[in-house]
Amino acid sequence: MSKINLLVGFVIVSVLGFVFHFAFDFFNNPWLKIVFAQNESIFEHLKLFIFPTIIYMLFDLAFSKDKDAIFASYTSGIIVSSIFMISGFYTYSGIIGKDILAVDIGLFFLCVILIFYYRYKKITLFDGANSVIAFFVFIAIIELFTFYPANINLFKDPTLKAGLEYLVNLFR
């Protein structure tokens, strides 16, 4: 992959990530939560780079020769970036006690850079058929938790206030 293709991929995935952030609310179709973020939880924000990367990967695969290494490097990049996003967010927000939008956006861009770094260097965590299995298992896990989120902070929308404390504060 040339550096121009790398830059084009970064821009396309970043722009699509921005569009994917608002698409669910814009179209208001419950089935779109399969690929678009449905709320502001960290888990849903993974979709902002996972599915745009998959779209770009399909184009990259169509025009490249070494399809196995490309697929494996994108799969590895997506999985590593997802772990990086979750651990990076909880580390920095846990240290300072709150999350900052500019840092969150920077974290998104770092994840996209990490994906294309894996693609550029052809770094793979899986070989051949194992990358296909890892890809589909990872996507299945993403979709499973989209429809059946666990009751932990990773899946909770921080913009939603709930409980008695919120109701009491409404009337103050």
C-alpha atoms as a PDB file:
ATOM      1  CA  MET A   1       0.000   0.000   0.000  1.00  0.00           C
ATOM      2  CA  SER A   2       1.444   3.322  -1.009  1.00  0.00           C
ATOM      3  CA  LYS A   3       1.497   6.258   1.346  1.00  0.00           C
ATOM      4  CA  ILE A   4      -1.063   8.038  -0.858  1.00  0.00           C
ATOM      5  CA  ASN A   5      -3.472   5.100  -0.511  1.00  0.00           C
ATOM      6  CA  LEU A   6      -2.777   5.108   3.210  1.00  0.00           C
ATOM      7  CA  LEU A   7      -3.706   8.784   3.453  1.00  0.00           C
ATOM      8  CA  VAL A   8      -6.794   8.318   1.259  1.00  0.00           C
ATOM      9  CA  GLY A   9      -7.904   5.392   3.428  1.00  0.00           C
ATOM     10  CA  PHE A  10      -7.374   7.385   6.614  1.00  0.00           C
ATOM     11  CA  VAL A  11      -9.429  10.297   5.256  1.00  0.00           C
ATOM     12  CA  ILE A  12     -12.245   8.095   3.934  1.00  0.00           C
ATOM     13  CA  VAL A  13     -12.549   6.068   7.144  1.00  0.00           C
ATOM     14  CA  SER A  14     -12.387   9.248   9.263  1.00  0.00           C
ATOM     15  CA  VAL A  15     -15.090  10.999   7.218  1.00  0.00           C
ATOM     16  CA  LEU A  16     -17.284   7.899   7.200  1.00  0.00           C
ATOM     17  CA  GLY A  17     -16.767   7.612  10.961  1.00  0.00           C
ATOM     18  CA  PHE A  18     -18.077  11.153  11.368  1.00  0.00           C
ATOM     19  CA  VAL A  19     -21.099  10.339   9.171  1.00  0.00           C
ATOM     20  CA  PHE A  20     -21.709   7.053  11.012  1.00  0.00           C
ATOM     21  CA  HIS A  21     -21.821   8.955  14.301  1.00  0.00           C
ATOM     22  CA  PHE A  22     -24.967  10.812  13.260  1.00  0.00           C
ATOM     23  CA  ALA A  23     -26.554   8.371  10.774  1.00  0.00           C
ATOM     24  CA  PHE A  24     -28.613   6.379  13.277  1.00  0.00           C
ATOM     25  CA  ASP A  25     -30.360   9.483  14.610  1.00  0.00           C
ATOM     26  CA  PHE A  26     -30.808  10.918  11.116  1.00  0.00           C
ATOM     27  CA  PHE A  27     -32.447   7.841   9.571  1.00  0.00           C
ATOM     28  CA  ASN A  28     -34.232   6.746  12.775  1.00  0.00           C
ATOM     29  CA  ASN A  29     -34.453   3.091  11.746  1.00  0.00           C
ATOM     30  CA  PRO A  30     -33.848   0.584  14.581  1.00  0.00           C
ATOM     31  CA  TRP A  31     -32.140  -1.932  12.260  1.00  0.00           C
ATOM     32  CA  LEU A  32     -29.419   0.556  11.404  1.00  0.00           C
ATOM     33  CA  LYS A  33     -27.906   0.019  14.843  1.00  0.00           C
ATOM     34  CA  ILE A  34     -26.267  -3.005  13.247  1.00  0.00           C
ATOM     35  CA  VAL A  35     -23.651  -0.707  11.678  1.00  0.00           C
ATOM     36  CA  PHE A  36     -24.273   2.778  13.097  1.00  0.00           C
ATOM     37  CA  ALA A  37     -23.707   3.954  16.656  1.00  0.00           C
ATOM     38  CA  GLN A  38     -27.073   4.120  18.414  1.00  0.00           C
ATOM     39  CA  ASN A  39     -25.887   6.004  21.503  1.00  0.00           C
ATOM     40  CA  GLU A  40     -22.852   7.637  23.087  1.00  0.00           C
ATOM     41  CA  SER A  41     -21.456   4.554  24.837  1.00  0.00           C
ATOM     42  CA  ILE A  42     -17.837   3.629  24.264  1.00  0.00           C
ATOM     43  CA  PHE A  43     -18.919   0.305  22.779  1.00  0.00           C
ATOM     44  CA  GLU A  44     -21.093   2.003  20.154  1.00  0.00           C
ATOM     45  CA  HIS A  45     -18.221   4.334  19.264  1.00  0.00           C
ATOM     46  CA  LEU A  46     -16.218   1.315  18.122  1.00  0.00           C
ATOM     47  CA  LYS A  47     -18.597   1.133  15.162  1.00  0.00           C
ATOM     48  CA  LEU A  48     -17.351   4.544  14.033  1.00  0.00           C
ATOM     49  CA  PHE A  49     -14.121   2.973  12.797  1.00  0.00           C
ATOM     50  CA  ILE A  50     -15.005  -0.727  12.466  1.00  0.00           C
ATOM     51  CA  PHE A  51     -17.613  -0.514   9.730  1.00  0.00           C
ATOM     52  CA  PRO A  52     -16.055   2.345   7.743  1.00  0.00           C
ATOM     53  CA  THR A  53     -12.811   0.340   7.761  1.00  0.00           C
ATOM     54  CA  ILE A  54     -14.648  -2.726   6.494  1.00  0.00           C
ATOM     55  CA  ILE A  55     -16.087  -0.651   3.641  1.00  0.00           C
ATOM     56  CA  TYR A  56     -12.642   0.657   2.734  1.00  0.00           C
ATOM     57  CA  MET A  57     -11.131  -2.807   3.132  1.00  0.00           C
ATOM     58  CA  LEU A  58     -13.526  -4.180   0.505  1.00  0.00           C
ATOM     59  CA  PHE A  59     -12.287  -1.586  -2.000  1.00  0.00           C
ATOM     60  CA  ASP A  60      -8.683  -2.253  -1.026  1.00  0.00           C
ATOM     61  CA  LEU A  61      -9.176  -5.996  -1.487  1.00  0.00           C
ATOM     62  CA  ALA A  62     -10.760  -5.454  -4.899  1.00  0.00           C
ATOM     63  CA  PHE A  63      -7.671  -3.644  -6.220  1.00  0.00           C
ATOM     64  CA  SER A  64      -4.843  -5.457  -4.424  1.00  0.00           C
ATOM     65  CA  LYS A  65      -3.001  -8.680  -5.149  1.00  0.00           C
ATOM     66  CA  ASP A  66      -2.062 -10.043  -1.701  1.00  0.00           C
ATOM     67  CA  LYS A  67      -5.616 -10.451  -0.419  1.00  0.00           C
ATOM     68  CA  ASP A  68      -4.834 -12.774   2.502  1.00  0.00           C
ATOM     69  CA  ALA A  69      -2.272 -10.469   4.086  1.00  0.00           C
ATOM     70  CA  ILE A  70      -4.505  -7.436   3.511  1.00  0.00           C
ATOM     71  CA  PHE A  71      -7.552  -9.038   5.103  1.00  0.00           C
ATOM     72  CA  ALA A  72      -5.508 -10.344   8.041  1.00  0.00           C
ATOM     73  CA  SER A  73      -3.863  -6.961   8.638  1.00  0.00           C
ATOM     74  CA  TYR A  74      -7.192  -5.090   8.581  1.00  0.00           C
ATOM     75  CA  THR A  75      -8.724  -7.660  10.927  1.00  0.00           C
ATOM     76  CA  SER A  76      -5.774  -7.340  13.287  1.00  0.00           C
ATOM     77  CA  GLY A  77      -5.878  -3.550  13.106  1.00  0.00           C
ATOM     78  CA  ILE A  78      -9.594  -3.409  13.857  1.00  0.00           C
ATOM     79  CA  ILE A  79      -9.298  -5.718  16.865  1.00  0.00           C
ATOM     80  CA  VAL A  80      -6.225  -3.960  18.280  1.00  0.00           C
ATOM     81  CA  SER A  81      -7.809  -0.527  17.706  1.00  0.00           C
ATOM     82  CA  SER A  82     -10.969  -1.627  19.500  1.00  0.00           C
ATOM     83  CA  ILE A  83      -8.946  -2.712  22.519  1.00  0.00           C
ATOM     84  CA  PHE A  84      -6.927   0.519  22.302  1.00  0.00           C
ATOM     85  CA  MET A  85     -10.096   2.652  22.180  1.00  0.00           C
ATOM     86  CA  ILE A  86     -11.645   0.992  25.225  1.00  0.00           C
ATOM     87  CA  SER A  87      -8.495   0.890  27.323  1.00  0.00           C
ATOM     88  CA  GLY A  88      -7.394   4.375  26.243  1.00  0.00           C
ATOM     89  CA  PHE A  89     -10.750   5.928  27.104  1.00  0.00           C
ATOM     90  CA  TYR A  90     -11.064   4.287  30.512  1.00  0.00           C
ATOM     91  CA  THR A  91      -7.426   4.980  31.357  1.00  0.00           C
ATOM     92  CA  TYR A  92      -7.430   8.705  30.606  1.00  0.00           C
ATOM     93  CA  SER A  93     -10.959   9.370  31.897  1.00  0.00           C
ATOM     94  CA  GLY A  94     -10.256   7.334  35.022  1.00  0.00           C
ATOM     95  CA  ILE A  95      -7.071   9.298  35.737  1.00  0.00           C
ATOM     96  CA  ILE A  96      -8.592  12.750  35.305  1.00  0.00           C
ATOM     97  CA  GLY A  97     -12.088  11.832  36.494  1.00  0.00           C
ATOM     98  CA  LYS A  98     -14.007  12.878  33.381  1.00  0.00           C
ATOM     99  CA  ASP A  99     -13.960  12.517  29.642  1.00  0.00           C
ATOM    100  CA  ILE A 100     -13.021  15.318  27.265  1.00  0.00           C
ATOM    101  CA  LEU A 101     -14.515  15.500  23.773  1.00  0.00           C
ATOM    102  CA  ALA A 102     -11.253  16.627  22.133  1.00  0.00           C
ATOM    103  CA  VAL A 103      -9.384  13.688  23.662  1.00  0.00           C
ATOM    104  CA  ASP A 104     -12.154  11.297  22.582  1.00  0.00           C
ATOM    105  CA  ILE A 105     -11.904  12.576  19.011  1.00  0.00           C
ATOM    106  CA  GLY A 106      -8.114  12.271  19.144  1.00  0.00           C
ATOM    107  CA  LEU A 107      -8.497   8.710  20.394  1.00  0.00           C
ATOM    108  CA  PHE A 108     -10.727   7.936  17.402  1.00  0.00           C
ATOM    109  CA  PHE A 109      -8.102   9.289  14.984  1.00  0.00           C
ATOM    110  CA  LEU A 110      -5.373   7.299  16.748  1.00  0.00           C
ATOM    111  CA  CYS A 111      -7.437   4.134  16.297  1.00  0.00           C
ATOM    112  CA  VAL A 112      -7.838   4.820  12.570  1.00  0.00           C
ATOM    113  CA  ILE A 113      -4.092   5.503  12.294  1.00  0.00           C
ATOM    114  CA  LEU A 114      -3.399   2.234  14.113  1.00  0.00           C
ATOM    115  CA  ILE A 115      -5.602   0.295  11.676  1.00  0.00           C
ATOM    116  CA  PHE A 116      -3.767   1.718   8.669  1.00  0.00           C
ATOM    117  CA  TYR A 117      -0.401   1.204  10.346  1.00  0.00           C
ATOM    118  CA  TYR A 118      -1.243  -2.496  10.605  1.00  0.00           C
ATOM    119  CA  ARG A 119      -2.328  -2.442   6.949  1.00  0.00           C
ATOM    120  CA  TYR A 120       0.775  -0.580   5.775  1.00  0.00           C
ATOM    121  CA  LYS A 121       3.193  -2.835   7.645  1.00  0.00           C
ATOM    122  CA  LYS A 122       1.045  -5.924   6.968  1.00  0.00           C
ATOM    123  CA  ILE A 123       1.114  -6.776  10.656  1.00  0.00           C
ATOM    124  CA  THR A 124      -1.136  -9.720  11.392  1.00  0.00           C
ATOM    125  CA  LEU A 125      -2.240 -11.451  14.544  1.00  0.00           C
ATOM    126  CA  PHE A 126      -3.831 -14.244  12.515  1.00  0.00           C
ATOM    127  CA  ASP A 127      -2.835 -16.147   9.393  1.00  0.00           C
ATOM    128  CA  GLY A 128      -5.006 -17.273   6.493  1.00  0.00           C
ATOM    129  CA  ALA A 129      -8.280 -18.861   7.539  1.00  0.00           C
ATOM    130  CA  ASN A 130      -7.702 -17.835  11.144  1.00  0.00           C
ATOM    131  CA  SER A 131      -8.063 -14.178  10.165  1.00  0.00           C
ATOM    132  CA  VAL A 132     -11.421 -14.920   8.543  1.00  0.00           C
ATOM    133  CA  ILE A 133     -12.583 -16.775  11.644  1.00  0.00           C
ATOM    134  CA  ALA A 134     -11.323 -13.977  13.919  1.00  0.00           C
ATOM    135  CA  PHE A 135     -13.054 -11.371  11.752  1.00  0.00           C
ATOM    136  CA  PHE A 136     -16.441 -13.076  11.799  1.00  0.00           C
ATOM    137  CA  VAL A 137     -16.238 -13.946  15.510  1.00  0.00           C
ATOM    138  CA  PHE A 138     -15.352 -10.329  16.318  1.00  0.00           C
ATOM    139  CA  ILE A 139     -18.215  -8.944  14.190  1.00  0.00           C
ATOM    140  CA  ALA A 140     -20.599 -11.489  15.751  1.00  0.00           C
ATOM    141  CA  ILE A 141     -19.564 -10.317  19.224  1.00  0.00           C
ATOM    142  CA  ILE A 142     -20.097  -6.684  18.221  1.00  0.00           C
ATOM    143  CA  GLU A 143     -23.586  -7.478  16.913  1.00  0.00           C
ATOM    144  CA  LEU A 144     -24.476  -9.667  19.896  1.00  0.00           C
ATOM    145  CA  PHE A 145     -23.648  -6.860  22.314  1.00  0.00           C
ATOM    146  CA  THR A 146     -25.429  -4.342  20.089  1.00  0.00           C
ATOM    147  CA  PHE A 147     -28.711  -6.165  20.617  1.00  0.00           C
ATOM    148  CA  TYR A 148     -27.973  -7.600  24.079  1.00  0.00           C
ATOM    149  CA  PRO A 149     -25.653  -5.206  25.929  1.00  0.00           C
ATOM    150  CA  ALA A 150     -24.333  -6.253  29.311  1.00  0.00           C
ATOM    151  CA  ASN A 151     -25.167  -4.074  32.293  1.00  0.00           C
ATOM    152  CA  ILE A 152     -21.706  -2.499  32.583  1.00  0.00           C
ATOM    153  CA  ASN A 153     -20.420   1.005  31.870  1.00  0.00           C
ATOM    154  CA  LEU A 154     -18.922  -0.008  28.518  1.00  0.00           C
ATOM    155  CA  PHE A 155     -22.447  -0.285  27.104  1.00  0.00           C
ATOM    156  CA  LYS A 156     -24.115   2.574  28.982  1.00  0.00           C
ATOM    157  CA  ASP A 157     -24.877   5.869  27.300  1.00  0.00           C
ATOM    158  CA  PRO A 158     -23.294   8.523  29.547  1.00  0.00           C
ATOM    159  CA  THR A 159     -25.638  11.196  28.182  1.00  0.00           C
ATOM    160  CA  LEU A 160     -28.702   9.448  29.606  1.00  0.00           C
ATOM    161  CA  LYS A 161     -29.505  10.292  33.174  1.00  0.00           C
ATOM    162  CA  ALA A 162     -31.537   7.750  35.062  1.00  0.00           C
ATOM    163  CA  GLY A 163     -32.748   7.071  38.532  1.00  0.00           C
ATOM    164  CA  LEU A 164     -34.212   8.951  41.444  1.00  0.00           C
ATOM    165  CA  GLU A 165     -31.345  11.465  41.658  1.00  0.00           C
ATOM    166  CA  TYR A 166     -32.020  12.639  38.110  1.00  0.00           C
ATOM    167  CA  LEU A 167     -35.750  13.007  38.717  1.00  0.00           C
ATOM    168  CA  VAL A 168     -35.169  14.980  41.922  1.00  0.00           C
ATOM    169  CA  ASN A 169     -32.731  17.307  40.122  1.00  0.00           C
ATOM    170  CA  LEU A 170     -35.292  17.964  37.387  1.00  0.00           C
ATOM    171  CA  PHE A 171     -37.469  19.874  39.821  1.00  0.00           C
ATOM    172  CA  ARG A 172     -34.743  22.000  41.431  1.00  0.00           C
END
